[in-house]
Amino acid sequence: MKRGRAFLVAALFAFGALSGIGSGPAIAQDSGVFRSEILVIDPERVFEGSRLGRSMLAQHQAEREALAAANEKLAAELEAEEQRLTGIRSETDPSEFRDMADAFDTRVQEIRADSERRVRDLERAFERLPSQFLAQVEQIILDEMRAAGGIVLLDQRSVILRADVVDITDRAIARIDDEFGDGPGDAGQD
């Protein structure tokens, strides 16, 4: 119930700010920059649309591909080992072969468990990418918010109606690209 009231108050406040009720003119007289106390941003588009975000996603994809290639290589090695064991079965003492087969099975189980752990770790890392990105660019977004006179920044996915001029997504992307380029070492180099 409280959440619903808070949303309604925020929506009414936003409507007041957008319609000119409240704190003054929406456009600064000298700069031509739209000013609003309530702004919106599309965090997903900022992440996926900025060069830094795309670089982070590309790095993750490269790690996925490297893990897949390593897993394929291990699978081929295990298959070759299994064929070798099958080939020597008839020539090997049954007790000795059983020990070799058990050791092989243990190795396969360990490799499978390690592979599954690496896949889970990689997926967790992927899930953390947006929050890591936001931590890196938070100051830029805050600066853009302040430059527009904002005191509240909402995720555009939670806003029902809005004027496009309160969306700072494109400005944030441009600033992030200027500041970070393709990543921390790039520093905006093209």
N, C-alpha and C. Protein backbone atom coordinates (compact mmCIF):
# COMPACT_ATOMS: atom_id res chain seq x y z
N MET A 1 0.82 -1.19 0.00
CA MET A 1 0.00 0.00 0.00
C MET A 1 0.87 1.26 0.00
N LYS A 2 1.92 1.28 0.86
CA LYS A 2 2.81 2.42 0.92
C LYS A 2 3.49 2.63 -0.43
N ARG A 3 3.88 1.54 -1.05
CA ARG A 3 4.57 1.62 -2.33
C ARG A 3 3.67 2.25 -3.39
N GLY A 4 2.40 1.87 -3.38
CA GLY A 4 1.45 2.43 -4.33
C GLY A 4 1.26 3.91 -4.12
N ARG A 5 1.17 4.34 -2.85
CA ARG A 5 1.04 5.77 -2.55
C ARG A 5 2.29 6.53 -2.96
N ALA A 6 3.45 5.94 -2.69
CA ALA A 6 4.70 6.60 -3.05
C ALA A 6 4.79 6.77 -4.56
N PHE A 7 4.37 5.76 -5.30
CA PHE A 7 4.39 5.85 -6.76
C PHE A 7 3.43 6.94 -7.24
N LEU A 8 2.23 7.00 -6.62
CA LEU A 8 1.25 8.00 -7.00
C LEU A 8 1.78 9.41 -6.71
N VAL A 9 2.40 9.60 -5.55
CA VAL A 9 2.96 10.90 -5.21
C VAL A 9 4.06 11.27 -6.21
N ALA A 10 4.93 10.30 -6.51
CA ALA A 10 6.00 10.56 -7.48
C ALA A 10 5.41 10.88 -8.85
N ALA A 11 4.36 10.17 -9.25
CA ALA A 11 3.73 10.42 -10.55
C ALA A 11 3.10 11.81 -10.58
N LEU A 12 2.40 12.18 -9.51
CA LEU A 12 1.80 13.51 -9.47
C LEU A 12 2.87 14.60 -9.46
N PHE A 13 3.93 14.36 -8.73
CA PHE A 13 5.03 15.30 -8.69
C PHE A 13 5.64 15.44 -10.07
N ALA A 14 5.82 14.30 -10.73
CA ALA A 14 6.38 14.31 -12.08
C ALA A 14 5.46 15.06 -13.03
N PHE A 15 4.14 14.82 -12.92
CA PHE A 15 3.19 15.50 -13.78
C PHE A 15 3.27 17.00 -13.54
N GLY A 16 3.37 17.39 -12.25
CA GLY A 16 3.48 18.80 -11.93
C GLY A 16 4.75 19.40 -12.51
N ALA A 17 5.85 18.69 -12.39
CA ALA A 17 7.12 19.19 -12.91
C ALA A 17 7.08 19.29 -14.43
N LEU A 18 6.45 18.31 -15.09
CA LEU A 18 6.38 18.31 -16.55
C LEU A 18 5.43 19.37 -17.07
N SER A 19 4.40 19.66 -16.30
CA SER A 19 3.42 20.62 -16.78
C SER A 19 3.75 22.04 -16.36
N GLY A 20 4.86 22.23 -15.66
CA GLY A 20 5.28 23.57 -15.30
C GLY A 20 4.79 24.00 -13.93
N ILE A 21 4.05 23.14 -13.24
CA ILE A 21 3.58 23.47 -11.91
C ILE A 21 4.73 23.24 -10.96
N GLY A 22 4.99 24.14 -10.07
CA GLY A 22 6.01 23.85 -9.07
C GLY A 22 7.21 24.77 -9.15
N SER A 23 8.35 24.20 -9.43
CA SER A 23 9.62 24.87 -9.14
C SER A 23 10.09 25.87 -10.17
N GLY A 24 9.36 26.15 -11.21
CA GLY A 24 9.83 27.19 -12.12
C GLY A 24 9.93 26.69 -13.54
N PRO A 25 10.61 27.47 -14.38
CA PRO A 25 10.66 27.16 -15.81
C PRO A 25 11.41 25.86 -16.09
N ALA A 26 10.94 25.16 -17.11
CA ALA A 26 11.56 23.90 -17.49
C ALA A 26 12.80 24.12 -18.32
N ILE A 27 12.91 25.24 -19.01
CA ILE A 27 14.06 25.49 -19.86
C ILE A 27 14.86 26.64 -19.27
N ALA A 28 16.14 26.41 -19.09
CA ALA A 28 17.00 27.47 -18.57
C ALA A 28 17.10 28.57 -19.60
N GLN A 29 17.02 29.81 -19.15
CA GLN A 29 16.99 30.95 -20.07
C GLN A 29 18.29 31.10 -20.85
N ASP A 30 19.43 30.89 -20.23
CA ASP A 30 20.69 31.18 -20.87
C ASP A 30 21.30 30.00 -21.61
N SER A 31 21.01 28.76 -21.22
CA SER A 31 21.71 27.63 -21.83
C SER A 31 20.88 26.85 -22.83
N GLY A 32 19.57 26.98 -22.78
CA GLY A 32 18.73 26.20 -23.68
C GLY A 32 18.64 24.74 -23.28
N VAL A 33 19.17 24.34 -22.11
CA VAL A 33 19.14 22.97 -21.64
C VAL A 33 17.86 22.74 -20.86
N PHE A 34 17.18 21.67 -21.15
CA PHE A 34 15.96 21.34 -20.43
C PHE A 34 16.32 21.02 -18.99
N ARG A 35 15.54 21.56 -18.07
CA ARG A 35 15.77 21.32 -16.65
C ARG A 35 14.50 20.76 -16.05
N SER A 36 14.66 19.72 -15.25
CA SER A 36 13.54 19.11 -14.56
C SER A 36 14.06 18.45 -13.30
N GLU A 37 13.27 18.53 -12.24
CA GLU A 37 13.67 17.88 -11.00
C GLU A 37 13.53 16.37 -11.09
N ILE A 38 12.64 15.91 -11.96
CA ILE A 38 12.42 14.47 -12.13
C ILE A 38 12.87 14.10 -13.54
N LEU A 39 13.77 13.14 -13.61
CA LEU A 39 14.32 12.69 -14.88
C LEU A 39 14.18 11.18 -14.97
N VAL A 40 14.30 10.66 -16.17
CA VAL A 40 14.28 9.21 -16.37
C VAL A 40 15.51 8.79 -17.16
N ILE A 41 15.83 7.51 -17.00
CA ILE A 41 16.96 6.93 -17.73
C ILE A 41 16.62 5.47 -18.01
N ASP A 42 17.11 4.96 -19.11
CA ASP A 42 16.94 3.54 -19.44
C ASP A 42 18.28 2.86 -19.14
N PRO A 43 18.42 2.27 -17.94
CA PRO A 43 19.72 1.71 -17.56
C PRO A 43 20.18 0.58 -18.47
N GLU A 44 19.25 -0.20 -18.98
CA GLU A 44 19.62 -1.29 -19.89
C GLU A 44 20.21 -0.74 -21.18
N ARG A 45 19.58 0.31 -21.71
CA ARG A 45 20.07 0.91 -22.96
C ARG A 45 21.40 1.62 -22.73
N VAL A 46 21.59 2.22 -21.56
CA VAL A 46 22.87 2.86 -21.25
C VAL A 46 23.97 1.79 -21.23
N PHE A 47 23.68 0.66 -20.59
CA PHE A 47 24.66 -0.43 -20.51
C PHE A 47 24.96 -0.99 -21.89
N GLU A 48 23.92 -1.37 -22.62
CA GLU A 48 24.12 -2.01 -23.92
C GLU A 48 24.48 -1.03 -25.03
N GLY A 49 24.19 0.25 -24.83
CA GLY A 49 24.43 1.25 -25.88
C GLY A 49 25.75 1.97 -25.75
N SER A 50 26.37 1.90 -24.59
CA SER A 50 27.66 2.58 -24.43
C SER A 50 28.79 1.67 -24.87
N ARG A 51 29.87 2.28 -25.30
CA ARG A 51 31.02 1.49 -25.72
C ARG A 51 31.58 0.68 -24.57
N LEU A 52 31.58 1.26 -23.36
CA LEU A 52 32.07 0.54 -22.19
C LEU A 52 31.21 -0.69 -21.92
N GLY A 53 29.90 -0.53 -21.95
CA GLY A 53 29.01 -1.67 -21.71
C GLY A 53 29.17 -2.74 -22.77
N ARG A 54 29.26 -2.32 -24.04
CA ARG A 54 29.46 -3.30 -25.11
C ARG A 54 30.79 -4.01 -24.96
N SER A 55 31.81 -3.29 -24.51
CA SER A 55 33.12 -3.91 -24.28
C SER A 55 33.04 -4.94 -23.16
N MET A 56 32.33 -4.62 -22.09
CA MET A 56 32.16 -5.57 -21.00
C MET A 56 31.41 -6.82 -21.48
N LEU A 57 30.37 -6.62 -22.29
CA LEU A 57 29.62 -7.76 -22.82
C LEU A 57 30.48 -8.59 -23.77
N ALA A 58 31.29 -7.93 -24.60
CA ALA A 58 32.17 -8.65 -25.53
C ALA A 58 33.22 -9.46 -24.77
N GLN A 59 33.75 -8.89 -23.70
CA GLN A 59 34.73 -9.62 -22.89
C GLN A 59 34.08 -10.86 -22.26
N HIS A 60 32.87 -10.70 -21.77
CA HIS A 60 32.17 -11.84 -21.19
C HIS A 60 31.93 -12.92 -22.26
N GLN A 61 31.53 -12.49 -23.45
CA GLN A 61 31.29 -13.45 -24.53
C GLN A 61 32.58 -14.18 -24.89
N ALA A 62 33.70 -13.48 -24.91
CA ALA A 62 34.99 -14.11 -25.20
C ALA A 62 35.33 -15.15 -24.13
N GLU A 63 35.03 -14.83 -22.87
CA GLU A 63 35.27 -15.78 -21.79
C GLU A 63 34.38 -17.02 -21.93
N ARG A 64 33.13 -16.80 -22.36
CA ARG A 64 32.22 -17.93 -22.60
C ARG A 64 32.75 -18.83 -23.70
N GLU A 65 33.19 -18.21 -24.78
CA GLU A 65 33.71 -18.98 -25.92
C GLU A 65 34.98 -19.73 -25.53
N ALA A 66 35.85 -19.10 -24.74
CA ALA A 66 37.07 -19.77 -24.28
C ALA A 66 36.73 -20.97 -23.40
N LEU A 67 35.75 -20.81 -22.53
CA LEU A 67 35.32 -21.92 -21.67
C LEU A 67 34.72 -23.04 -22.50
N ALA A 68 33.91 -22.69 -23.49
CA ALA A 68 33.31 -23.71 -24.35
C ALA A 68 34.40 -24.46 -25.12
N ALA A 69 35.40 -23.73 -25.61
CA ALA A 69 36.50 -24.38 -26.35
C ALA A 69 37.30 -25.30 -25.43
N ALA A 70 37.55 -24.85 -24.20
CA ALA A 70 38.28 -25.69 -23.24
C ALA A 70 37.48 -26.95 -22.92
N ASN A 71 36.17 -26.80 -22.76
CA ASN A 71 35.32 -27.96 -22.48
C ASN A 71 35.29 -28.94 -23.66
N GLU A 72 35.26 -28.41 -24.87
CA GLU A 72 35.29 -29.28 -26.05
C GLU A 72 36.61 -30.04 -26.13
N LYS A 73 37.71 -29.36 -25.82
CA LYS A 73 39.02 -30.00 -25.85
C LYS A 73 39.09 -31.11 -24.80
N LEU A 74 38.60 -30.83 -23.59
CA LEU A 74 38.59 -31.85 -22.54
C LEU A 74 37.72 -33.04 -22.94
N ALA A 75 36.57 -32.76 -23.55
CA ALA A 75 35.68 -33.83 -23.97
C ALA A 75 36.37 -34.71 -25.01
N ALA A 76 37.10 -34.12 -25.94
CA ALA A 76 37.82 -34.89 -26.95
C ALA A 76 38.93 -35.74 -26.31
N GLU A 77 39.63 -35.14 -25.33
CA GLU A 77 40.68 -35.89 -24.64
C GLU A 77 40.10 -37.07 -23.86
N LEU A 78 38.96 -36.83 -23.21
CA LEU A 78 38.32 -37.91 -22.44
C LEU A 78 37.80 -39.01 -23.36
N GLU A 79 37.28 -38.61 -24.49
CA GLU A 79 36.79 -39.61 -25.45
C GLU A 79 37.96 -40.46 -25.97
N ALA A 80 39.09 -39.81 -26.26
CA ALA A 80 40.27 -40.56 -26.72
C ALA A 80 40.76 -41.51 -25.63
N GLU A 81 40.76 -41.06 -24.38
CA GLU A 81 41.18 -41.91 -23.26
C GLU A 81 40.22 -43.09 -23.10
N GLU A 82 38.94 -42.82 -23.26
CA GLU A 82 37.95 -43.91 -23.15
C GLU A 82 38.17 -44.94 -24.26
N GLN A 83 38.43 -44.48 -25.47
CA GLN A 83 38.69 -45.40 -26.57
C GLN A 83 39.97 -46.20 -26.33
N ARG A 84 41.00 -45.56 -25.79
CA ARG A 84 42.24 -46.26 -25.47
C ARG A 84 41.98 -47.36 -24.44
N LEU A 85 41.20 -47.02 -23.40
CA LEU A 85 40.87 -48.02 -22.39
C LEU A 85 40.07 -49.18 -22.99
N THR A 86 39.13 -48.86 -23.84
CA THR A 86 38.33 -49.91 -24.49
C THR A 86 39.23 -50.81 -25.33
N GLY A 87 40.22 -50.20 -25.99
CA GLY A 87 41.12 -50.95 -26.84
C GLY A 87 42.03 -51.90 -26.07
N ILE A 88 42.37 -51.59 -24.85
CA ILE A 88 43.28 -52.46 -24.09
C ILE A 88 42.53 -53.37 -23.12
N ARG A 89 41.24 -53.30 -23.12
CA ARG A 89 40.46 -54.08 -22.16
C ARG A 89 40.73 -55.59 -22.28
N SER A 90 40.70 -56.09 -23.50
CA SER A 90 40.86 -57.53 -23.69
C SER A 90 42.28 -58.01 -23.35
N GLU A 91 43.25 -57.13 -23.39
CA GLU A 91 44.65 -57.50 -23.12
C GLU A 91 45.06 -57.26 -21.67
N THR A 92 44.18 -56.68 -20.88
CA THR A 92 44.53 -56.27 -19.52
C THR A 92 43.86 -57.16 -18.49
N ASP A 93 44.59 -57.40 -17.41
CA ASP A 93 44.05 -58.16 -16.29
C ASP A 93 42.77 -57.46 -15.82
N PRO A 94 41.66 -58.23 -15.60
CA PRO A 94 40.40 -57.61 -15.21
C PRO A 94 40.50 -56.72 -13.97
N SER A 95 41.25 -57.13 -12.98
CA SER A 95 41.40 -56.32 -11.77
C SER A 95 42.13 -55.01 -12.08
N GLU A 96 43.18 -55.11 -12.87
CA GLU A 96 43.94 -53.92 -13.26
C GLU A 96 43.09 -52.99 -14.12
N PHE A 97 42.31 -53.59 -15.04
CA PHE A 97 41.45 -52.78 -15.90
C PHE A 97 40.38 -52.06 -15.06
N ARG A 98 39.81 -52.76 -14.08
CA ARG A 98 38.80 -52.15 -13.22
C ARG A 98 39.38 -50.95 -12.49
N ASP A 99 40.61 -51.05 -12.00
CA ASP A 99 41.26 -49.93 -11.33
C ASP A 99 41.45 -48.75 -12.29
N MET A 100 41.87 -49.08 -13.54
CA MET A 100 42.05 -48.03 -14.55
C MET A 100 40.72 -47.38 -14.91
N ALA A 101 39.68 -48.21 -15.05
CA ALA A 101 38.36 -47.68 -15.39
C ALA A 101 37.81 -46.82 -14.25
N ASP A 102 38.00 -47.25 -13.01
CA ASP A 102 37.54 -46.47 -11.86
C ASP A 102 38.26 -45.14 -11.78
N ALA A 103 39.56 -45.16 -12.02
CA ALA A 103 40.35 -43.92 -12.00
C ALA A 103 39.86 -42.97 -13.11
N PHE A 104 39.56 -43.54 -14.28
CA PHE A 104 39.04 -42.73 -15.38
C PHE A 104 37.69 -42.13 -15.01
N ASP A 105 36.80 -42.94 -14.44
CA ASP A 105 35.48 -42.44 -14.04
C ASP A 105 35.60 -41.32 -13.00
N THR A 106 36.51 -41.48 -12.06
CA THR A 106 36.73 -40.45 -11.04
C THR A 106 37.19 -39.16 -11.70
N ARG A 107 38.13 -39.29 -12.62
CA ARG A 107 38.64 -38.11 -13.34
C ARG A 107 37.53 -37.43 -14.13
N VAL A 108 36.69 -38.21 -14.81
CA VAL A 108 35.57 -37.65 -15.58
C VAL A 108 34.62 -36.88 -14.65
N GLN A 109 34.30 -37.45 -13.50
CA GLN A 109 33.40 -36.79 -12.55
C GLN A 109 34.00 -35.48 -12.03
N GLU A 110 35.30 -35.49 -11.74
CA GLU A 110 35.96 -34.28 -11.26
C GLU A 110 35.96 -33.20 -12.34
N ILE A 111 36.24 -33.59 -13.56
CA ILE A 111 36.26 -32.63 -14.67
C ILE A 111 34.86 -32.08 -14.90
N ARG A 112 33.85 -32.93 -14.85
CA ARG A 112 32.46 -32.49 -15.04
C ARG A 112 32.07 -31.49 -13.95
N ALA A 113 32.39 -31.81 -12.70
CA ALA A 113 32.05 -30.91 -11.58
C ALA A 113 32.77 -29.57 -11.73
N ASP A 114 34.05 -29.61 -12.11
CA ASP A 114 34.81 -28.38 -12.31
C ASP A 114 34.22 -27.55 -13.45
N SER A 115 33.84 -28.21 -14.53
CA SER A 115 33.25 -27.52 -15.67
C SER A 115 31.92 -26.87 -15.30
N GLU A 116 31.09 -27.59 -14.57
CA GLU A 116 29.81 -27.03 -14.14
C GLU A 116 30.02 -25.83 -13.22
N ARG A 117 31.01 -25.90 -12.34
CA ARG A 117 31.32 -24.78 -11.44
C ARG A 117 31.76 -23.56 -12.25
N ARG A 118 32.61 -23.78 -13.25
CA ARG A 118 33.08 -22.67 -14.07
C ARG A 118 31.94 -22.02 -14.84
N VAL A 119 31.02 -22.83 -15.34
CA VAL A 119 29.87 -22.28 -16.06
C VAL A 119 29.00 -21.46 -15.11
N ARG A 120 28.75 -21.98 -13.91
CA ARG A 120 27.96 -21.22 -12.92
C ARG A 120 28.65 -19.91 -12.56
N ASP A 121 29.96 -19.97 -12.34
CA ASP A 121 30.71 -18.75 -12.00
C ASP A 121 30.63 -17.72 -13.12
N LEU A 122 30.72 -18.19 -14.35
CA LEU A 122 30.64 -17.28 -15.49
C LEU A 122 29.26 -16.66 -15.60
N GLU A 123 28.22 -17.43 -15.35
CA GLU A 123 26.86 -16.90 -15.39
C GLU A 123 26.62 -15.90 -14.26
N ARG A 124 27.15 -16.17 -13.09
CA ARG A 124 27.04 -15.21 -11.98
C ARG A 124 27.76 -13.91 -12.34
N ALA A 125 28.91 -14.04 -12.95
CA ALA A 125 29.67 -12.86 -13.38
C ALA A 125 28.86 -12.05 -14.39
N PHE A 126 28.16 -12.74 -15.29
CA PHE A 126 27.33 -12.07 -16.28
C PHE A 126 26.19 -11.31 -15.60
N GLU A 127 25.59 -11.92 -14.60
CA GLU A 127 24.49 -11.28 -13.88
C GLU A 127 24.96 -10.03 -13.13
N ARG A 128 26.23 -10.00 -12.74
CA ARG A 128 26.77 -8.85 -12.01
C ARG A 128 27.23 -7.72 -12.93
N LEU A 129 27.36 -7.97 -14.22
CA LEU A 129 27.89 -6.96 -15.13
C LEU A 129 27.13 -5.63 -15.07
N PRO A 130 25.79 -5.63 -15.14
CA PRO A 130 25.10 -4.33 -15.10
C PRO A 130 25.38 -3.53 -13.84
N SER A 131 25.43 -4.17 -12.68
CA SER A 131 25.70 -3.43 -11.44
C SER A 131 27.16 -2.96 -11.40
N GLN A 132 28.09 -3.74 -11.93
CA GLN A 132 29.49 -3.31 -12.00
C GLN A 132 29.62 -2.11 -12.94
N PHE A 133 28.90 -2.17 -14.05
CA PHE A 133 28.89 -1.06 -15.00
C PHE A 133 28.36 0.20 -14.32
N LEU A 134 27.23 0.06 -13.65
CA LEU A 134 26.61 1.21 -12.99
C LEU A 134 27.55 1.81 -11.95
N ALA A 135 28.26 0.98 -11.21
CA ALA A 135 29.21 1.48 -10.22
C ALA A 135 30.30 2.32 -10.89
N GLN A 136 30.73 1.90 -12.09
CA GLN A 136 31.78 2.64 -12.81
C GLN A 136 31.28 3.97 -13.35
N VAL A 137 30.02 4.03 -13.75
CA VAL A 137 29.51 5.23 -14.44
C VAL A 137 28.59 6.06 -13.57
N GLU A 138 28.42 5.68 -12.33
CA GLU A 138 27.47 6.37 -11.45
C GLU A 138 27.73 7.88 -11.39
N GLN A 139 28.98 8.28 -11.25
CA GLN A 139 29.27 9.71 -11.13
C GLN A 139 28.89 10.46 -12.40
N ILE A 140 29.09 9.85 -13.55
CA ILE A 140 28.71 10.50 -14.81
C ILE A 140 27.21 10.70 -14.85
N ILE A 141 26.46 9.68 -14.46
CA ILE A 141 25.00 9.78 -14.47
C ILE A 141 24.54 10.84 -13.47
N LEU A 142 25.16 10.87 -12.30
CA LEU A 142 24.83 11.90 -11.30
C LEU A 142 25.13 13.30 -11.85
N ASP A 143 26.26 13.45 -12.54
CA ASP A 143 26.61 14.74 -13.12
C ASP A 143 25.58 15.18 -14.16
N GLU A 144 25.14 14.25 -15.00
CA GLU A 144 24.12 14.56 -16.00
C GLU A 144 22.80 14.92 -15.34
N MET A 145 22.47 14.21 -14.27
CA MET A 145 21.24 14.50 -13.54
C MET A 145 21.30 15.91 -12.96
N ARG A 146 22.41 16.23 -12.33
CA ARG A 146 22.56 17.57 -11.74
C ARG A 146 22.56 18.67 -12.80
N ALA A 147 23.20 18.39 -13.94
CA ALA A 147 23.24 19.39 -15.01
C ALA A 147 21.85 19.72 -15.52
N ALA A 148 20.94 18.76 -15.42
CA ALA A 148 19.56 18.99 -15.86
C ALA A 148 18.68 19.46 -14.71
N GLY A 149 19.26 19.70 -13.54
CA GLY A 149 18.49 20.17 -12.40
C GLY A 149 17.72 19.07 -11.69
N GLY A 150 18.07 17.83 -11.96
CA GLY A 150 17.33 16.72 -11.39
C GLY A 150 17.66 16.45 -9.94
N ILE A 151 16.63 16.05 -9.22
CA ILE A 151 16.82 15.58 -7.85
C ILE A 151 16.34 14.15 -7.70
N VAL A 152 15.59 13.67 -8.70
CA VAL A 152 15.09 12.30 -8.71
C VAL A 152 15.34 11.72 -10.10
N LEU A 153 15.91 10.52 -10.14
CA LEU A 153 16.15 9.83 -11.41
C LEU A 153 15.43 8.49 -11.34
N LEU A 154 14.50 8.28 -12.26
CA LEU A 154 13.70 7.06 -12.28
C LEU A 154 14.10 6.17 -13.44
N ASP A 155 13.96 4.88 -13.24
CA ASP A 155 14.15 3.90 -14.31
C ASP A 155 12.95 4.07 -15.25
N GLN A 156 13.21 4.34 -16.50
CA GLN A 156 12.12 4.63 -17.44
C GLN A 156 11.14 3.47 -17.58
N ARG A 157 11.58 2.25 -17.22
CA ARG A 157 10.68 1.11 -17.32
C ARG A 157 9.59 1.15 -16.25
N SER A 158 9.77 1.97 -15.21
CA SER A 158 8.75 2.07 -14.17
C SER A 158 7.89 3.32 -14.31
N VAL A 159 8.07 4.05 -15.39
CA VAL A 159 7.31 5.28 -15.62
C VAL A 159 6.26 5.00 -16.67
N ILE A 160 5.03 5.34 -16.36
CA ILE A 160 3.93 5.07 -17.29
C ILE A 160 3.89 6.09 -18.42
N LEU A 161 3.92 7.36 -18.07
CA LEU A 161 3.90 8.43 -19.06
C LEU A 161 5.00 9.42 -18.73
N ARG A 162 5.59 9.99 -19.77
CA ARG A 162 6.64 10.98 -19.57
C ARG A 162 6.83 11.77 -20.85
N ALA A 163 7.41 12.94 -20.70
CA ALA A 163 7.84 13.72 -21.86
C ALA A 163 9.25 13.25 -22.21
N ASP A 164 9.54 13.10 -23.48
CA ASP A 164 10.85 12.60 -23.90
C ASP A 164 12.00 13.48 -23.42
N VAL A 165 11.75 14.77 -23.20
CA VAL A 165 12.83 15.67 -22.82
C VAL A 165 13.38 15.37 -21.43
N VAL A 166 12.68 14.60 -20.60
CA VAL A 166 13.20 14.28 -19.27
C VAL A 166 14.08 13.04 -19.28
N ASP A 167 14.24 12.41 -20.44
CA ASP A 167 15.06 11.20 -20.57
C ASP A 167 16.50 11.60 -20.85
N ILE A 168 17.40 11.24 -19.92
CA ILE A 168 18.82 11.61 -20.08
C ILE A 168 19.66 10.44 -20.58
N THR A 169 19.02 9.39 -21.09
CA THR A 169 19.74 8.19 -21.52
C THR A 169 20.80 8.50 -22.58
N ASP A 170 20.40 9.20 -23.64
CA ASP A 170 21.36 9.48 -24.73
C ASP A 170 22.52 10.35 -24.26
N ARG A 171 22.22 11.34 -23.41
CA ARG A 171 23.29 12.19 -22.89
C ARG A 171 24.24 11.38 -22.02
N ALA A 172 23.70 10.48 -21.22
CA ALA A 172 24.54 9.64 -20.36
C ALA A 172 25.45 8.75 -21.21
N ILE A 173 24.89 8.15 -22.25
CA ILE A 173 25.70 7.28 -23.13
C ILE A 173 26.84 8.08 -23.76
N ALA A 174 26.52 9.27 -24.26
CA ALA A 174 27.56 10.10 -24.89
C ALA A 174 28.66 10.45 -23.90
N ARG A 175 28.28 10.82 -22.68
CA ARG A 175 29.29 11.16 -21.66
C ARG A 175 30.13 9.96 -21.26
N ILE A 176 29.49 8.79 -21.13
CA ILE A 176 30.22 7.57 -20.78
C ILE A 176 31.22 7.23 -21.87
N ASP A 177 30.76 7.34 -23.13
CA ASP A 177 31.68 7.07 -24.25
C ASP A 177 32.85 8.05 -24.24
N ASP A 178 32.57 9.32 -23.95
CA ASP A 178 33.64 10.31 -23.88
C ASP A 178 34.62 10.00 -22.75
N GLU A 179 34.08 9.61 -21.62
CA GLU A 179 34.89 9.39 -20.43
C GLU A 179 35.65 8.06 -20.46
N PHE A 180 34.97 6.98 -20.87
CA PHE A 180 35.56 5.65 -20.78
C PHE A 180 35.95 5.04 -22.12
N GLY A 181 35.37 5.49 -23.20
CA GLY A 181 35.62 4.84 -24.49
C GLY A 181 35.20 3.39 -24.42
N ASP A 182 36.12 2.48 -24.77
CA ASP A 182 35.82 1.04 -24.76
C ASP A 182 36.13 0.37 -23.43
N GLY A 183 36.67 1.13 -22.50
CA GLY A 183 36.99 0.53 -21.21
C GLY A 183 37.91 1.42 -20.41
N PRO A 184 38.25 0.99 -19.20
CA PRO A 184 39.07 1.81 -18.31
C PRO A 184 40.40 2.26 -18.93
N GLY A 185 41.03 1.44 -19.74
CA GLY A 185 42.31 1.81 -20.35
C GLY A 185 42.17 2.66 -21.59
N ASP A 186 40.95 2.79 -22.11
CA ASP A 186 40.73 3.50 -23.36
C ASP A 186 40.61 5.01 -23.15
N ALA A 187 39.96 5.41 -22.09
CA ALA A 187 39.77 6.82 -21.72
C ALA A 187 39.30 7.67 -22.88
N GLY A 188 38.29 7.17 -23.62
CA GLY A 188 37.65 7.96 -24.66
C GLY A 188 38.39 8.03 -25.97
N GLN A 189 39.40 7.22 -26.16
CA GLN A 189 40.14 7.24 -27.43
C GLN A 189 39.31 6.61 -28.52
N ASP A 190 39.27 7.23 -29.69
CA ASP A 190 38.56 6.65 -30.83
C ASP A 190 39.50 6.01 -31.79
